[in-house]
Amino acid sequence: MSGGVDSAVAAARAVEAGHEVVGVHLALSRMPGTLRTGSRGCCTIEDSMDAQRAANVIGIPYYVWDFSERFKADIVDDFIAEYSVGRTPNPCMRCNERIKFAALLEKALALGFDAVATGHYATIVTDAAGNRELHRASTWAKDQSYVLGVLTAEQLAHAYFPLGDTPSKDLVRAEAERRGLSVAHKPDSHDICFIPDGDTKGWLAERVGVMPGEVIDRSGAVVGSHEGAHAYTVGQRRGLHLGVPAPDGRPRFVLEVRPQDNTVVVGPKEALAIARVAGSRFSWAGMPPVDPAIPWACEVQIRAHADPVPAVAVVNNGELVLTPEVSFNGVAPGQTAVVYVGTRVVGQCTIDRTESAAPAEDETTTPRGVGYPQV
């Protein structure tokens, strides 16, 4: 129970469904803030108190479990390490993968519980053979299956999402109000939970340090400078502060971050088009394809709120390779590509490398993908 409205209503519904329910709040920070600032941040002391009040109204036991050490090692330190090598990680994916459905689930099973229930908007469907599948929520407007794409078959066997069939968040808030839950109109949290002020650039600068370097265009010409490549992400347009305008006067975007020489590469928007992505760190959400080495049609989503793109997937040389029908836009190594067939989440991969859709003669000699070879 995060202290928000979704997990509170999920707990209440689990009780009504006849389950024996215990509310657990995760203490993920050694120095949590005592107060929220609107919708920024989560897992604060205030959130813990909101969760306890909800548990009291629902009438279930409530505990706070301290996972702060593991959260620091598996999420925060990983986030810093990924940015340090020019990648763009998704900490929410890692938290679901390593904390909520790994550390938390392991402890819950050891204590005799059957499943971890959360307020995520996603559904689990059991097929004719008894295999569990992860599917999108009933409404795409609130669907959160993307951030659950890292779950494995074993984790899905012990997962429960009571809100998956709810058509809208407004209905959840109205239900919370009817139940007398004080979090009924609490703002949704956003941004990275351990950077509640939203200043990722400043937060990273304190931990990675400032290291001035050059900003170059695709020809290798220096067009500006920066104080740390870790502060830039592929697709970024604002905050570049370039000293040399583009010859055609059009805006430039970050195309690549090269940590090996502390260089940021910029260029026109069309150069962000990506023809293929691949990753060796992939997993299947439930049963894998019958033969993933044979190309198969799917849809791929590369951000939590992006539209899915029709694509062809294949496992080749230990990598999940994804080729979209229409080029992806602004994909960075470190992002997660989640693969769907219809509403079903089939699996995911952390993107290691990309292949540009831009003409070869317009590219610099170093392949896209933070020093990785092209697919």
Protein backbone atom coordinates (compact mmCIF):
# COMPACT_ATOMS: atom_id res chain seq x y z
CA MET A 1 0.00 0.00 0.00
CA SER A 2 1.81 3.05 -1.30
CA GLY A 3 -0.49 5.53 0.41
CA GLY A 4 -2.34 6.32 -2.81
CA VAL A 5 -5.93 5.76 -3.82
CA ASP A 6 -5.28 2.86 -6.22
CA SER A 7 -3.60 0.53 -3.73
CA ALA A 8 -6.14 1.43 -1.03
CA VAL A 9 -9.09 0.47 -3.24
CA ALA A 10 -7.23 -2.63 -4.44
CA ALA A 11 -6.84 -3.76 -0.81
CA ALA A 12 -10.52 -3.12 -0.08
CA ARG A 13 -11.58 -5.11 -3.13
CA ALA A 14 -9.29 -7.99 -2.15
CA VAL A 15 -11.00 -8.13 1.24
CA GLU A 16 -14.44 -8.12 -0.38
CA ALA A 17 -13.33 -10.95 -2.68
CA GLY A 18 -12.84 -13.10 0.40
CA HIS A 19 -9.07 -12.99 0.75
CA GLU A 20 -7.17 -12.64 3.99
CA VAL A 21 -5.38 -9.35 3.39
CA VAL A 22 -2.46 -7.65 5.11
CA GLY A 23 -1.45 -4.12 4.12
CA VAL A 24 2.29 -3.55 3.60
CA HIS A 25 3.98 -0.21 2.96
CA LEU A 26 7.53 -0.29 1.59
CA ALA A 27 10.07 1.99 3.26
CA LEU A 28 12.44 2.60 0.38
CA SER A 29 14.44 5.59 1.61
CA ARG A 30 16.72 5.97 4.62
CA MET A 31 15.80 9.65 4.76
CA PRO A 32 12.17 9.96 3.61
CA GLY A 33 10.63 13.39 3.38
CA THR A 34 7.87 14.01 5.88
CA LEU A 35 5.62 15.81 3.42
CA ARG A 36 4.71 15.48 -0.21
CA THR A 37 4.72 18.41 -2.61
CA GLY A 38 1.51 17.95 -4.59
CA SER A 39 1.98 14.97 -6.87
CA ARG A 40 5.75 14.81 -6.61
CA GLY A 41 7.46 11.90 -4.93
CA CYS A 42 6.08 8.93 -3.06
CA CYS A 43 7.04 6.61 -0.20
CA THR A 44 7.25 9.54 2.23
CA ILE A 45 6.30 9.41 5.90
CA GLU A 46 3.06 11.13 4.93
CA ASP A 47 2.38 8.37 2.39
CA SER A 48 2.99 5.74 5.08
CA MET A 49 0.49 7.46 7.35
CA ASP A 50 -2.07 7.66 4.52
CA ALA A 51 -1.64 3.93 3.92
CA GLN A 52 -2.13 3.16 7.60
CA ARG A 53 -5.29 5.25 7.77
CA ALA A 54 -6.65 3.38 4.74
CA ALA A 55 -5.79 0.02 6.31
CA ASN A 56 -7.59 1.06 9.50
CA VAL A 57 -10.74 1.99 7.55
CA ILE A 58 -10.63 -1.27 5.58
CA GLY A 59 -9.98 -3.20 8.78
CA ILE A 60 -6.78 -5.05 7.89
CA PRO A 61 -3.43 -5.40 9.68
CA TYR A 62 -0.77 -2.97 8.49
CA TYR A 63 3.03 -3.19 8.47
CA VAL A 64 5.96 -1.18 7.16
CA TRP A 65 8.73 -3.29 5.64
CA ASP A 66 12.17 -1.73 5.29
CA PHE A 67 13.62 -2.46 1.85
CA SER A 68 15.73 0.69 1.71
CA GLU A 69 19.10 -1.07 1.43
CA ARG A 70 17.99 -3.28 -1.43
CA PHE A 71 16.23 -0.34 -3.11
CA LYS A 72 19.43 1.71 -2.99
CA ALA A 73 21.54 -1.12 -4.40
CA ASP A 74 19.13 -2.40 -7.04
CA ILE A 75 17.37 0.79 -8.13
CA VAL A 76 19.18 3.97 -7.12
CA ASP A 77 22.76 2.75 -7.65
CA ASP A 78 21.72 1.05 -10.90
CA PHE A 79 20.11 4.30 -12.07
CA ILE A 80 23.34 6.21 -11.45
CA ALA A 81 25.47 3.52 -13.11
CA GLU A 82 23.27 3.42 -16.20
CA TYR A 83 23.34 7.19 -16.70
CA SER A 84 27.11 7.16 -16.14
CA VAL A 85 27.55 5.00 -19.24
CA GLY A 86 25.15 7.02 -21.39
CA ARG A 87 22.05 4.84 -21.00
CA THR A 88 18.52 5.95 -20.08
CA PRO A 89 17.13 3.55 -17.45
CA ASN A 90 13.52 3.13 -16.31
CA PRO A 91 13.58 2.89 -12.50
CA CYS A 92 9.87 1.97 -12.27
CA MET A 93 10.51 -1.13 -14.38
CA ARG A 94 13.48 -2.08 -12.22
CA CYS A 95 11.46 -1.52 -9.03
CA ASN A 96 8.72 -3.87 -10.21
CA GLU A 97 11.31 -6.39 -11.35
CA ARG A 98 13.61 -6.34 -8.32
CA ILE A 99 11.59 -4.99 -5.39
CA LYS A 100 7.80 -5.36 -5.59
CA PHE A 101 7.72 -8.70 -7.39
CA ALA A 102 11.09 -10.03 -6.25
CA ALA A 103 12.18 -8.91 -2.77
CA LEU A 104 8.62 -8.25 -1.55
CA LEU A 105 7.19 -11.38 -3.15
CA GLU A 106 10.02 -13.55 -1.80
CA LYS A 107 9.36 -12.35 1.73
CA ALA A 108 5.59 -12.70 1.33
CA LEU A 109 5.86 -16.30 0.11
CA ALA A 110 8.28 -17.15 2.92
CA LEU A 111 5.70 -15.87 5.40
CA GLY A 112 2.96 -18.02 3.89
CA PHE A 113 1.13 -15.52 1.70
CA ASP A 114 -0.15 -16.58 -1.72
CA ALA A 115 0.19 -13.40 -3.75
CA VAL A 116 1.15 -9.74 -3.87
CA ALA A 117 -1.76 -7.48 -4.81
CA THR A 118 -1.11 -3.97 -6.12
CA GLY A 119 -3.11 -1.08 -7.52
CA HIS A 120 -1.68 -1.42 -11.03
CA TYR A 121 -4.14 -1.20 -13.92
CA ALA A 122 -3.52 -4.51 -15.72
CA THR A 123 -5.24 -7.87 -15.93
CA ILE A 124 -4.17 -11.49 -15.64
CA VAL A 125 -5.89 -14.06 -17.85
CA THR A 126 -5.61 -17.82 -17.48
CA ASP A 127 -5.56 -19.69 -20.79
CA ALA A 128 -7.15 -23.07 -21.53
CA ALA A 129 -4.00 -24.89 -20.39
CA GLY A 130 -3.94 -23.08 -17.06
CA ASN A 131 -1.08 -20.72 -17.96
CA ARG A 132 -1.33 -17.16 -16.67
CA GLU A 133 -0.96 -14.28 -19.11
CA LEU A 134 -0.48 -10.58 -18.47
CA HIS A 135 -2.87 -8.35 -20.45
CA ARG A 136 -3.63 -4.67 -20.79
CA ALA A 137 -6.20 -3.11 -18.48
CA SER A 138 -9.74 -2.70 -19.77
CA THR A 139 -9.06 0.93 -20.64
CA TRP A 140 -5.88 2.01 -22.43
CA ALA A 141 -6.13 5.47 -20.88
CA LYS A 142 -4.93 4.07 -17.55
CA ASP A 143 -3.23 0.86 -18.70
CA GLN A 144 -0.03 0.12 -16.75
CA SER A 145 0.89 -3.23 -18.27
CA TYR A 146 4.03 -1.66 -19.78
CA VAL A 147 5.74 -1.23 -16.39
CA LEU A 148 4.77 -4.81 -15.48
CA GLY A 149 6.31 -6.26 -18.63
CA VAL A 150 9.32 -7.47 -16.63
CA LEU A 151 7.24 -9.98 -14.65
CA THR A 152 7.99 -13.66 -15.26
CA ALA A 153 5.63 -16.63 -15.33
CA GLU A 154 6.52 -17.45 -11.71
CA GLN A 155 5.83 -13.89 -10.59
CA LEU A 156 2.53 -13.75 -12.49
CA ALA A 157 1.49 -16.92 -10.65
CA HIS A 158 1.63 -14.88 -7.43
CA ALA A 159 0.33 -11.50 -8.66
CA TYR A 160 -3.14 -9.99 -8.23
CA PHE A 161 -4.40 -6.76 -9.83
CA PRO A 162 -7.92 -5.96 -8.52
CA LEU A 163 -8.26 -2.74 -10.56
CA GLY A 164 -7.57 -4.18 -14.00
CA ASP A 165 -11.21 -4.25 -15.12
CA THR A 166 -12.07 -0.75 -13.88
CA PRO A 167 -12.92 1.55 -16.81
CA SER A 168 -11.58 4.79 -15.31
CA LYS A 169 -9.63 6.33 -12.46
CA ASP A 170 -12.63 8.56 -11.68
CA LEU A 171 -14.60 5.45 -10.75
CA VAL A 172 -11.81 4.34 -8.40
CA ARG A 173 -11.79 7.75 -6.71
CA ALA A 174 -15.58 7.68 -6.36
CA GLU A 175 -15.37 4.21 -4.85
CA ALA A 176 -12.70 5.35 -2.40
CA GLU A 177 -14.93 8.22 -1.32
CA ARG A 178 -17.88 5.86 -0.76
CA ARG A 179 -15.64 3.66 1.34
CA GLY A 180 -14.59 6.62 3.50
CA LEU A 181 -10.94 6.51 2.41
CA SER A 182 -9.19 9.85 2.96
CA VAL A 183 -6.96 9.32 -0.09
CA ALA A 184 -9.93 9.48 -2.49
CA HIS A 185 -8.75 12.76 -4.03
CA LYS A 186 -5.01 12.51 -3.34
CA PRO A 187 -3.00 13.50 -6.45
CA ASP A 188 -1.29 10.74 -8.41
CA SER A 189 2.46 10.59 -7.93
CA HIS A 190 4.75 11.18 -10.87
CA ASP A 191 8.43 11.78 -11.59
CA ILE A 192 11.10 9.51 -10.15
CA CYS A 193 10.21 8.69 -6.55
CA PHE A 194 13.75 9.19 -5.23
CA ILE A 195 14.07 12.56 -7.05
CA PRO A 196 10.87 14.21 -5.78
CA ASP A 197 11.80 17.72 -6.92
CA GLY A 198 12.05 16.48 -10.52
CA ASP A 199 15.57 17.87 -11.03
CA THR A 200 17.19 14.72 -12.43
CA LYS A 201 20.06 16.70 -13.97
CA GLY A 202 21.00 18.32 -10.66
CA TRP A 203 20.54 15.08 -8.71
CA LEU A 204 22.87 13.21 -11.06
CA ALA A 205 25.43 16.02 -11.06
CA GLU A 206 25.77 15.68 -7.29
CA ARG A 207 26.44 11.95 -7.57
CA VAL A 208 28.25 11.57 -10.88
CA GLY A 209 30.10 14.87 -10.87
CA VAL A 210 30.62 17.59 -13.45
CA MET A 211 32.82 16.73 -16.43
CA PRO A 212 32.84 19.33 -19.25
CA GLY A 213 32.84 18.01 -22.81
CA GLU A 214 31.92 18.80 -26.39
CA VAL A 215 28.61 18.77 -28.22
CA ILE A 216 29.14 17.82 -31.86
CA ASP A 217 26.98 17.42 -34.95
CA ARG A 218 26.91 14.31 -37.15
CA SER A 219 29.89 15.49 -39.17
CA GLY A 220 31.98 15.76 -36.01
CA ALA A 221 32.01 19.57 -35.92
CA VAL A 222 31.89 21.09 -32.43
CA VAL A 223 28.68 23.12 -31.99
CA GLY A 224 28.61 23.56 -28.22
CA SER A 225 29.77 22.32 -24.84
CA HIS A 226 28.27 20.58 -21.83
CA GLU A 227 29.11 20.03 -18.16
CA GLY A 228 28.33 16.34 -18.07
CA ALA A 229 27.07 13.93 -20.73
CA HIS A 230 24.99 12.10 -18.12
CA ALA A 231 22.58 15.07 -18.10
CA TYR A 232 21.45 14.41 -21.68
CA THR A 233 19.07 11.84 -23.14
CA VAL A 234 18.37 10.79 -26.70
CA GLY A 235 15.57 12.90 -28.19
CA GLN A 236 16.21 15.89 -25.92
CA ARG A 237 15.72 19.29 -27.53
CA ARG A 238 15.60 21.82 -24.71
CA GLY A 239 18.55 22.93 -22.63
CA LEU A 240 21.25 22.22 -25.24
CA HIS A 241 22.59 25.82 -25.29
CA LEU A 242 24.37 25.36 -28.60
CA GLY A 243 26.75 28.10 -29.73
CA VAL A 244 26.57 27.27 -33.44
CA PRO A 245 23.16 27.21 -35.16
CA ALA A 246 22.28 24.52 -37.68
CA PRO A 247 22.96 25.57 -41.30
CA ASP A 248 19.26 25.23 -42.12
CA GLY A 249 18.18 26.96 -38.91
CA ARG A 250 16.14 23.99 -37.72
CA PRO A 251 16.19 22.76 -34.11
CA ARG A 252 18.71 20.12 -33.12
CA PHE A 253 18.05 17.10 -30.93
CA VAL A 254 20.31 14.77 -28.96
CA LEU A 255 21.02 11.76 -31.16
CA GLU A 256 23.61 9.98 -29.07
CA VAL A 257 25.49 10.14 -25.77
CA ARG A 258 29.06 8.84 -25.90
CA PRO A 259 30.46 8.33 -22.39
CA GLN A 260 33.76 6.93 -23.66
CA ASP A 261 34.82 10.36 -24.93
CA ASN A 262 32.27 12.44 -22.95
CA THR A 263 30.64 13.68 -26.14
CA VAL A 264 27.02 14.48 -26.98
CA VAL A 265 25.95 14.17 -30.64
CA VAL A 266 23.11 16.36 -31.97
CA GLY A 267 21.26 16.55 -35.27
CA PRO A 268 17.91 17.06 -37.00
CA LYS A 269 14.70 15.43 -35.79
CA GLU A 270 14.53 12.98 -38.69
CA ALA A 271 17.86 11.49 -37.55
CA LEU A 272 16.09 10.20 -34.43
CA ALA A 273 14.30 7.58 -36.55
CA ILE A 274 15.30 4.07 -35.47
CA ALA A 275 14.87 1.10 -37.79
CA ARG A 276 15.67 -1.66 -35.29
CA VAL A 277 16.42 -2.24 -31.62
CA ALA A 278 17.88 -5.23 -29.80
CA GLY A 279 18.62 -6.34 -26.26
CA SER A 280 20.22 -9.37 -24.65
CA ARG A 281 18.45 -8.84 -21.31
CA PHE A 282 15.00 -10.09 -22.24
CA SER A 283 12.31 -12.08 -20.46
CA TRP A 284 8.90 -13.61 -21.16
CA ALA A 285 5.76 -12.60 -19.27
CA GLY A 286 4.26 -16.06 -18.98
CA MET A 287 4.68 -18.70 -21.66
CA PRO A 288 7.25 -17.79 -24.34
CA PRO A 289 6.50 -17.98 -28.06
CA VAL A 290 6.56 -21.55 -29.41
CA ASP A 291 9.78 -20.84 -31.29
CA PRO A 292 11.06 -17.31 -30.70
CA ALA A 293 13.87 -17.91 -33.21
CA ILE A 294 11.25 -17.79 -36.00
CA PRO A 295 10.22 -14.17 -36.76
CA TRP A 296 6.73 -13.35 -35.47
CA ALA A 297 4.37 -10.40 -35.71
CA CYS A 298 3.80 -8.25 -32.63
CA GLU A 299 3.46 -4.70 -31.39
CA VAL A 300 6.20 -2.92 -29.48
CA GLN A 301 5.87 -0.13 -26.92
CA ILE A 302 9.03 1.72 -25.94
CA ARG A 303 7.64 4.10 -23.31
CA ALA A 304 4.94 3.87 -20.68
CA HIS A 305 2.61 6.23 -22.53
CA ALA A 306 3.74 5.64 -26.11
CA ASP A 307 1.53 4.15 -28.78
CA PRO A 308 2.37 0.55 -29.69
CA VAL A 309 4.07 0.09 -33.06
CA PRO A 310 3.51 -2.96 -35.32
CA ALA A 311 6.77 -4.87 -35.58
CA VAL A 312 8.49 -8.19 -36.19
CA ALA A 313 10.30 -9.89 -33.31
CA VAL A 314 12.90 -12.64 -33.34
CA VAL A 315 15.49 -14.04 -30.93
CA ASN A 316 18.82 -14.16 -32.71
CA ASN A 317 22.30 -14.75 -31.25
CA GLY A 318 21.04 -14.32 -27.70
CA GLU A 319 19.22 -11.08 -28.38
CA LEU A 320 15.58 -10.12 -28.80
CA VAL A 321 15.58 -8.13 -32.05
CA LEU A 322 12.61 -5.86 -32.85
CA THR A 323 12.03 -4.36 -36.29
CA PRO A 324 9.11 -1.89 -36.47
CA GLU A 325 6.97 -1.33 -39.56
CA VAL A 326 7.30 2.42 -38.96
CA SER A 327 10.52 3.70 -37.42
CA PHE A 328 10.71 4.24 -33.69
CA ASN A 329 11.47 7.82 -32.69
CA GLY A 330 14.21 8.85 -30.29
CA VAL A 331 15.03 5.50 -28.69
CA ALA A 332 17.88 5.40 -26.17
CA PRO A 333 19.88 2.41 -24.95
CA GLY A 334 18.68 1.53 -21.47
CA GLN A 335 15.00 2.02 -22.30
CA THR A 336 12.64 -0.94 -22.13
CA ALA A 337 10.82 -2.33 -25.16
CA VAL A 338 7.68 -4.27 -24.18
CA VAL A 339 6.29 -6.71 -26.72
CA TYR A 340 2.53 -7.30 -27.16
CA VAL A 341 0.38 -9.63 -29.21
CA GLY A 342 -3.08 -8.09 -29.10
CA THR A 343 -3.65 -7.09 -25.48
CA ARG A 344 -1.24 -9.69 -24.13
CA VAL A 345 2.22 -8.77 -22.86
CA VAL A 346 4.54 -11.41 -24.32
CA GLY A 347 7.82 -10.12 -22.93
CA GLN A 348 10.34 -7.31 -22.81
CA CYS A 349 13.95 -6.39 -23.31
CA THR A 350 16.27 -3.67 -22.11
CA ILE A 351 17.52 -2.00 -25.27
CA ASP A 352 21.27 -2.41 -25.70
CA ARG A 353 21.70 -1.07 -29.20
CA THR A 354 19.83 0.52 -32.07
CA GLU A 355 20.08 0.88 -35.83
CA SER A 356 19.40 4.29 -37.31
CA ALA A 357 16.93 4.67 -40.15
CA ALA A 358 18.83 7.74 -41.41
CA PRO A 359 20.82 7.36 -44.63
CA ALA A 360 24.29 5.98 -43.96
CA GLU A 361 26.04 8.88 -45.69
CA ASP A 362 24.47 11.30 -43.20
CA GLU A 363 25.77 9.49 -40.14
CA THR A 364 29.08 9.77 -38.34
CA THR A 365 31.35 6.76 -38.41
CA THR A 366 30.53 5.70 -34.85
CA PRO A 367 27.36 3.56 -34.74
CA ARG A 368 24.34 4.70 -32.74
CA GLY A 369 23.91 3.12 -29.34
CA VAL A 370 26.48 4.50 -26.93
CA GLY A 371 29.38 2.71 -28.55
CA TYR A 372 27.57 -0.54 -29.26
CA PRO A 373 27.72 -1.96 -32.81
CA GLN A 374 24.61 -1.65 -34.90
CA VAL A 375 22.10 -4.51 -35.07
